[in-house]
N, C-alpha and C. Protein backbone atom coordinates (compact mmCIF):
# COMPACT_ATOMS: atom_id res chain seq x y z
N MET A 1 5.89 17.53 -21.12
CA MET A 1 4.62 18.33 -19.74
C MET A 1 4.19 16.92 -19.26
N LEU A 2 3.96 15.89 -20.25
CA LEU A 2 3.47 14.81 -19.52
C LEU A 2 4.37 13.96 -18.86
N TRP A 3 5.72 14.06 -18.86
CA TRP A 3 6.30 13.47 -18.11
C TRP A 3 6.83 13.71 -17.03
N LEU A 4 6.73 15.29 -16.96
CA LEU A 4 6.87 16.12 -15.72
C LEU A 4 5.49 15.58 -14.80
N LEU A 5 4.47 15.75 -15.15
CA LEU A 5 3.22 15.52 -14.58
C LEU A 5 3.28 13.95 -13.66
N THR A 6 3.94 12.99 -14.89
CA THR A 6 4.11 11.76 -14.41
C THR A 6 4.73 11.38 -13.34
N GLY A 7 6.10 12.58 -13.12
CA GLY A 7 6.95 12.26 -12.13
C GLY A 7 6.59 12.99 -10.84
N ILE A 8 5.67 13.98 -11.04
CA ILE A 8 5.09 14.56 -9.90
C ILE A 8 4.14 13.53 -9.15
N VAL A 9 3.28 13.34 -10.18
CA VAL A 9 2.33 11.92 -9.40
C VAL A 9 3.00 11.09 -8.43
N THR A 10 3.80 10.46 -9.25
CA THR A 10 4.81 9.49 -8.53
C THR A 10 5.42 10.02 -7.36
N ILE A 11 5.99 11.19 -7.08
CA ILE A 11 6.73 11.54 -6.02
C ILE A 11 5.49 11.75 -5.03
N GLY A 12 4.23 12.42 -5.46
CA GLY A 12 2.90 12.55 -4.64
C GLY A 12 2.92 11.15 -4.01
N THR A 13 2.73 9.77 -4.86
CA THR A 13 2.18 8.91 -4.36
C THR A 13 3.26 7.99 -3.38
N VAL A 14 4.73 8.24 -3.66
CA VAL A 14 5.57 7.68 -2.73
C VAL A 14 5.25 8.44 -1.32
N GLU A 15 5.11 9.80 -1.26
CA GLU A 15 4.94 10.24 0.11
C GLU A 15 3.63 10.15 0.74
N VAL A 16 2.66 9.93 -0.05
CA VAL A 16 1.31 9.29 0.56
C VAL A 16 1.84 7.84 1.27
N MET A 17 2.62 7.09 0.56
CA MET A 17 2.77 5.69 1.03
C MET A 17 3.79 6.13 2.06
N LEU A 18 4.59 6.62 2.15
CA LEU A 18 5.51 6.81 3.16
C LEU A 18 4.97 7.49 4.77
N ARG A 19 3.91 8.27 4.49
CA ARG A 19 3.28 8.89 5.54
C ARG A 19 2.42 7.83 6.31
N LEU A 20 1.60 6.82 5.48
CA LEU A 20 0.57 5.90 5.96
C LEU A 20 1.14 4.90 6.96
N PRO A 21 0.60 4.22 7.92
CA PRO A 21 1.19 3.32 8.76
C PRO A 21 0.77 2.15 7.98
N LEU A 22 1.60 1.61 6.71
CA LEU A 22 1.33 0.54 6.13
C LEU A 22 1.90 -0.72 6.71
N SER A 23 3.30 -0.67 6.84
CA SER A 23 4.03 -1.50 7.61
C SER A 23 3.52 -2.09 8.81
N SER A 24 3.38 -0.92 9.53
CA SER A 24 2.37 -1.43 11.26
C SER A 24 1.19 -2.30 11.09
N THR A 25 0.40 -1.95 10.04
CA THR A 25 -0.69 -2.53 9.56
C THR A 25 -0.83 -4.12 9.14
N VAL A 26 0.45 -4.11 8.36
CA VAL A 26 1.11 -5.51 7.67
C VAL A 26 1.49 -6.20 8.84
N LEU A 27 2.32 -5.62 9.90
CA LEU A 27 2.54 -6.58 10.94
C LEU A 27 1.75 -6.81 11.99
N ARG A 28 0.75 -5.95 12.30
CA ARG A 28 -0.38 -6.42 12.98
C ARG A 28 -0.95 -7.58 12.64
N THR A 29 -1.44 -7.59 11.22
CA THR A 29 -2.11 -8.58 10.44
C THR A 29 -1.35 -9.91 10.32
N ARG A 30 0.23 -9.65 10.06
CA ARG A 30 0.93 -10.97 10.18
C ARG A 30 0.64 -11.60 11.66
N GLN A 31 0.82 -10.94 12.68
CA GLN A 31 0.62 -11.38 14.04
C GLN A 31 -0.33 -12.27 14.07
N LEU A 32 -1.37 -11.57 13.82
CA LEU A 32 -2.79 -12.16 14.19
C LEU A 32 -2.70 -13.52 13.26
N VAL A 33 -2.36 -13.49 12.10
CA VAL A 33 -2.41 -14.62 11.57
C VAL A 33 -1.64 -16.00 11.98
N LYS A 34 -0.63 -15.38 12.72
CA LYS A 34 0.37 -16.33 13.43
C LYS A 34 -0.43 -16.83 14.43
N ARG A 35 -1.18 -16.03 15.40
CA ARG A 35 -1.92 -16.42 16.48
C ARG A 35 -3.10 -17.53 15.76
N VAL A 36 -3.64 -17.09 14.74
CA VAL A 36 -4.84 -18.03 14.19
C VAL A 36 -4.29 -19.52 14.00
N VAL A 37 -3.11 -19.17 13.30
CA VAL A 37 -2.72 -20.79 12.73
C VAL A 37 -2.19 -21.39 14.10
N HIS A 38 -1.40 -20.82 15.15
CA HIS A 38 -1.11 -21.57 16.21
C HIS A 38 -2.35 -22.07 17.29
N VAL A 39 -3.39 -21.39 17.34
CA VAL A 39 -4.47 -22.08 17.87
C VAL A 39 -5.19 -22.99 16.75
N VAL A 40 -5.38 -23.02 15.80
CA VAL A 40 -6.01 -24.13 14.98
C VAL A 40 -5.32 -25.14 14.77
N THR A 41 -4.04 -25.08 14.63
CA THR A 41 -2.86 -26.40 14.60
C THR A 41 -2.77 -27.07 15.99
N SER A 42 -2.87 -26.36 17.27
CA SER A 42 -2.61 -26.71 18.52
C SER A 42 -3.74 -27.92 18.63
N ARG A 43 -2.96 -29.03 19.07
CA ARG A 43 -3.50 -29.96 19.77
C ARG A 43 -4.33 -29.89 21.35
N LYS A 44 -3.57 -28.93 21.66
CA LYS A 44 -3.83 -28.81 23.18
C LYS A 44 -5.00 -27.70 23.38
N VAL A 45 -5.56 -27.28 22.43
CA VAL A 45 -6.90 -26.49 22.40
C VAL A 45 -7.71 -27.03 21.82
N SER A 46 -9.20 -27.39 22.77
CA SER A 46 -9.88 -28.26 22.20
C SER A 46 -10.86 -27.65 21.14
N ASP A 47 -11.56 -28.40 20.45
CA ASP A 47 -12.36 -28.01 19.34
C ASP A 47 -13.47 -27.16 19.84
N HIS A 48 -14.03 -26.98 20.98
CA HIS A 48 -15.15 -26.17 21.66
C HIS A 48 -14.41 -25.16 21.45
N TRP A 49 -13.21 -24.74 22.17
CA TRP A 49 -12.73 -23.79 22.37
C TRP A 49 -12.34 -22.69 20.98
N LYS A 50 -11.69 -23.78 19.81
CA LYS A 50 -11.41 -23.37 18.51
C LYS A 50 -12.89 -22.97 17.90
N GLU A 51 -14.00 -23.48 18.28
CA GLU A 51 -15.22 -22.99 17.53
C GLU A 51 -15.50 -21.67 17.81
N ILE A 52 -15.45 -21.28 19.21
CA ILE A 52 -15.51 -20.04 19.79
C ILE A 52 -14.33 -18.88 19.42
N VAL A 53 -13.26 -19.29 19.11
CA VAL A 53 -12.15 -18.35 19.28
C VAL A 53 -12.12 -17.99 17.52
N VAL A 54 -12.20 -19.03 16.62
CA VAL A 54 -11.94 -18.61 15.47
C VAL A 54 -13.10 -17.83 14.43
N PRO A 55 -14.41 -17.58 14.92
CA PRO A 55 -15.07 -16.38 14.35
C PRO A 55 -14.70 -15.07 14.79
N THR A 56 -14.12 -14.66 16.16
CA THR A 56 -13.39 -14.00 16.53
C THR A 56 -12.18 -13.30 15.56
N TYR A 57 -11.32 -14.30 15.54
CA TYR A 57 -10.29 -14.20 14.85
C TYR A 57 -10.56 -13.76 12.94
N ALA A 58 -11.61 -14.39 13.12
CA ALA A 58 -12.11 -14.29 11.27
C ALA A 58 -12.49 -12.86 11.40
N LEU A 59 -13.05 -12.22 12.35
CA LEU A 59 -13.78 -10.66 12.31
C LEU A 59 -12.47 -9.92 12.22
N GLN A 60 -11.47 -9.96 13.28
CA GLN A 60 -10.18 -9.39 13.24
C GLN A 60 -9.44 -9.38 12.14
N LEU A 61 -9.22 -10.66 11.37
CA LEU A 61 -9.04 -10.66 9.97
C LEU A 61 -9.41 -9.83 9.07
N PHE A 62 -10.68 -9.65 9.14
CA PHE A 62 -11.71 -9.16 8.27
C PHE A 62 -11.42 -7.40 8.49
N ARG A 63 -11.39 -6.90 9.79
CA ARG A 63 -11.02 -5.80 9.85
C ARG A 63 -9.85 -5.11 9.41
N GLN A 64 -8.50 -6.05 9.53
CA GLN A 64 -7.38 -5.88 9.11
C GLN A 64 -7.22 -5.74 7.83
N THR A 65 -8.07 -6.78 7.00
CA THR A 65 -7.98 -6.64 5.71
C THR A 65 -8.50 -5.59 5.06
N ALA A 66 -9.80 -5.00 5.82
CA ALA A 66 -10.31 -3.72 5.04
C ALA A 66 -9.76 -2.72 5.34
N HIS A 67 -9.06 -2.48 6.49
CA HIS A 67 -7.99 -1.25 6.79
C HIS A 67 -7.24 -1.43 5.79
N LEU A 68 -6.40 -2.24 5.66
CA LEU A 68 -5.20 -2.55 4.18
C LEU A 68 -5.75 -2.15 2.63
N ALA A 69 -6.91 -2.64 2.50
CA ALA A 69 -7.71 -2.31 1.25
C ALA A 69 -7.47 -0.65 1.20
N PHE A 70 -8.11 -0.03 2.44
CA PHE A 70 -8.35 1.42 2.43
C PHE A 70 -7.27 2.11 2.09
N LEU A 71 -6.21 1.86 2.71
CA LEU A 71 -4.95 2.18 2.88
C LEU A 71 -4.22 2.24 1.25
N MET A 72 -4.48 1.11 0.76
CA MET A 72 -3.94 0.88 -0.53
C MET A 72 -4.66 1.78 -1.66
N VAL A 73 -6.10 2.06 -1.39
CA VAL A 73 -6.86 2.76 -2.05
C VAL A 73 -6.28 4.22 -1.69
N VAL A 74 -5.79 4.61 -1.06
CA VAL A 74 -5.44 5.74 -0.38
C VAL A 74 -4.27 6.04 -1.41
N VAL A 75 -3.00 4.98 -1.30
CA VAL A 75 -2.17 5.21 -2.05
C VAL A 75 -2.09 5.50 -3.27
N VAL A 76 -3.15 4.64 -4.03
CA VAL A 76 -3.37 4.84 -5.44
C VAL A 76 -4.11 6.00 -5.95
N SER A 77 -4.77 6.71 -4.56
CA SER A 77 -5.66 8.21 -5.74
C SER A 77 -4.70 9.21 -5.59
N PRO A 78 -3.61 9.16 -5.51
CA PRO A 78 -3.03 10.47 -6.37
C PRO A 78 -2.74 10.27 -7.97
N PHE A 79 -2.47 8.91 -8.30
CA PHE A 79 -2.48 8.37 -9.77
C PHE A 79 -3.90 8.70 -10.25
N GLY A 80 -4.97 8.07 -9.51
CA GLY A 80 -6.41 7.82 -9.88
C GLY A 80 -7.08 9.45 -10.14
N LEU A 81 -6.56 10.47 -9.22
CA LEU A 81 -7.07 11.84 -9.36
C LEU A 81 -6.29 12.47 -10.54
N ALA A 82 -4.81 12.32 -10.56
CA ALA A 82 -4.31 13.07 -11.66
C ALA A 82 -4.77 12.15 -12.96
N CYS A 83 -5.32 10.94 -13.20
CA CYS A 83 -5.48 10.50 -14.50
C CYS A 83 -7.26 10.91 -14.92
N ALA A 84 -7.73 11.51 -13.77
CA ALA A 84 -9.60 11.64 -14.12
C ALA A 84 -9.03 13.29 -14.25
N ALA A 85 -8.26 13.84 -13.65
CA ALA A 85 -8.21 15.48 -14.12
C ALA A 85 -7.73 15.53 -15.46
N THR A 86 -6.52 14.79 -15.76
CA THR A 86 -6.20 14.98 -17.23
C THR A 86 -6.90 14.54 -18.17
N ALA A 87 -7.53 13.55 -17.79
CA ALA A 87 -8.65 12.84 -19.00
C ALA A 87 -9.90 14.19 -19.41
N LEU A 88 -10.43 15.00 -18.33
CA LEU A 88 -11.07 16.09 -18.60
C LEU A 88 -10.38 16.83 -19.38
N ALA A 89 -9.01 17.18 -19.43
CA ALA A 89 -8.44 18.16 -20.09
C ALA A 89 -7.96 17.48 -21.53
N GLY A 90 -8.01 16.22 -21.79
CA GLY A 90 -7.54 15.68 -23.07
C GLY A 90 -6.06 15.24 -23.01
N ILE A 91 -5.73 14.95 -21.85
CA ILE A 91 -3.98 14.63 -21.55
C ILE A 91 -4.19 13.33 -21.56
N PRO A 92 -3.54 12.52 -22.32
CA PRO A 92 -3.21 11.08 -22.33
C PRO A 92 -2.40 10.61 -21.12
N LEU A 93 -2.65 10.74 -19.76
CA LEU A 93 -1.70 10.50 -18.96
C LEU A 93 -1.81 8.91 -18.58
N LEU A 94 -3.23 8.40 -18.34
CA LEU A 94 -3.37 6.98 -18.09
C LEU A 94 -2.70 6.13 -19.20
N GLU A 95 -2.62 6.58 -20.50
CA GLU A 95 -2.22 5.75 -21.55
C GLU A 95 -0.55 5.63 -21.30
N LEU A 96 -0.02 6.70 -20.59
CA LEU A 96 1.30 6.71 -20.55
C LEU A 96 1.50 6.05 -19.06
N LEU A 97 0.76 5.90 -18.07
CA LEU A 97 1.15 5.17 -17.19
C LEU A 97 0.72 3.96 -17.44
N LEU A 98 0.20 3.50 -18.06
CA LEU A 98 -0.20 2.06 -18.61
C LEU A 98 1.14 1.62 -19.46
N SER A 99 1.34 2.22 -20.02
CA SER A 99 2.74 1.65 -21.07
C SER A 99 3.71 1.33 -20.33
N MET A 100 4.41 0.40 -20.87
CA MET A 100 5.79 0.01 -20.35
C MET A 100 7.08 1.16 -20.07
N THR A 101 6.92 2.00 -20.61
CA THR A 101 7.83 3.05 -20.64
C THR A 101 7.19 3.84 -19.23
N GLY A 102 6.26 4.23 -19.53
CA GLY A 102 5.45 4.72 -18.06
C GLY A 102 5.52 4.19 -16.89
N VAL A 103 5.50 2.97 -16.92
CA VAL A 103 5.55 2.03 -15.66
C VAL A 103 7.19 1.95 -15.12
N LEU A 104 8.21 1.94 -16.22
CA LEU A 104 9.44 2.04 -15.82
C LEU A 104 9.73 3.76 -15.39
N PHE A 105 9.50 4.66 -16.14
CA PHE A 105 9.62 5.82 -15.64
C PHE A 105 9.06 5.91 -14.33
N SER A 106 8.03 5.82 -13.84
CA SER A 106 7.54 5.82 -12.70
C SER A 106 8.46 5.34 -11.60
N THR A 107 8.83 3.99 -11.91
CA THR A 107 9.59 2.82 -10.93
C THR A 107 11.07 3.99 -10.63
N VAL A 108 11.68 4.17 -11.77
CA VAL A 108 12.87 4.97 -11.61
C VAL A 108 12.96 6.06 -10.80
N VAL A 109 11.87 7.00 -11.10
CA VAL A 109 11.50 7.99 -10.20
C VAL A 109 11.02 7.55 -8.78
N ALA A 110 10.11 7.04 -8.48
CA ALA A 110 10.11 6.57 -7.15
C ALA A 110 11.25 6.03 -6.41
N LEU A 111 12.02 5.17 -7.12
CA LEU A 111 13.19 4.57 -6.26
C LEU A 111 14.17 5.77 -6.22
N SER A 112 14.37 6.82 -7.19
CA SER A 112 15.40 7.88 -7.03
C SER A 112 14.92 8.94 -5.82
N TYR A 113 13.59 9.02 -6.01
CA TYR A 113 12.95 9.81 -5.03
C TYR A 113 13.17 9.03 -3.42
N VAL A 114 12.77 8.00 -3.11
CA VAL A 114 13.17 7.41 -1.97
C VAL A 114 14.80 7.61 -1.47
N TRP A 115 15.51 7.10 -2.46
CA TRP A 115 16.91 7.24 -2.45
C TRP A 115 17.44 8.60 -1.88
N LEU A 116 17.12 9.62 -2.42
CA LEU A 116 17.32 10.98 -2.33
C LEU A 116 16.93 11.54 -1.01
N ARG A 117 15.59 10.99 -1.02
CA ARG A 117 14.92 11.20 0.53
C ARG A 117 15.86 10.61 1.92
N ILE A 118 15.80 9.37 1.79
CA ILE A 118 16.59 8.70 2.87
C ILE A 118 17.99 9.13 2.95
N SER A 119 18.75 9.58 1.71
CA SER A 119 20.22 10.29 2.14
C SER A 119 20.13 11.97 2.54
N SER A 120 18.90 12.24 2.32
CA SER A 120 19.01 13.67 2.79
C SER A 120 18.61 13.41 4.34
N VAL A 121 17.79 12.43 4.79
CA VAL A 121 17.69 12.40 6.06
C VAL A 121 19.00 12.10 7.02
N ARG A 122 19.78 11.09 6.23
CA ARG A 122 20.97 10.78 6.89
C ARG A 122 22.17 11.76 7.10
N ALA A 123 21.94 12.65 5.85
CA ALA A 123 22.89 13.76 5.86
C ALA A 123 22.43 14.89 7.05
N ARG A 124 21.20 14.91 7.47
CA ARG A 124 21.24 15.80 8.58
C ARG A 124 21.20 14.96 9.79
N LEU A 125 21.45 13.80 10.02
CA LEU A 125 21.64 13.22 11.47
C LEU A 125 22.99 13.29 11.65
């Protein structure tokens, strides 16, 4: 029962992760960091302009980082909700998830599910 619940929660987490815009958010953050590094290291940009632009970039980076943190909380929420619900019922799901066998089982289930999902999408095309 505990293993089945772990598998269901893992698949739910994978689905949440696949449906969130994680990759596009990481890509936008990476592009913003590239722009910041380019401006800060450029000798063609004056120090006065850097003083104006860097706080704006810092605010944009803060927003992007906060957005990424929110998405990561959403990704982990199925595990958190399942652990809270099973703790109230007296089921030791958290102990299993934090053990080496639980982590390995969740990893195998997640990778297998992603592989099956990709295979089924390719078969439809």
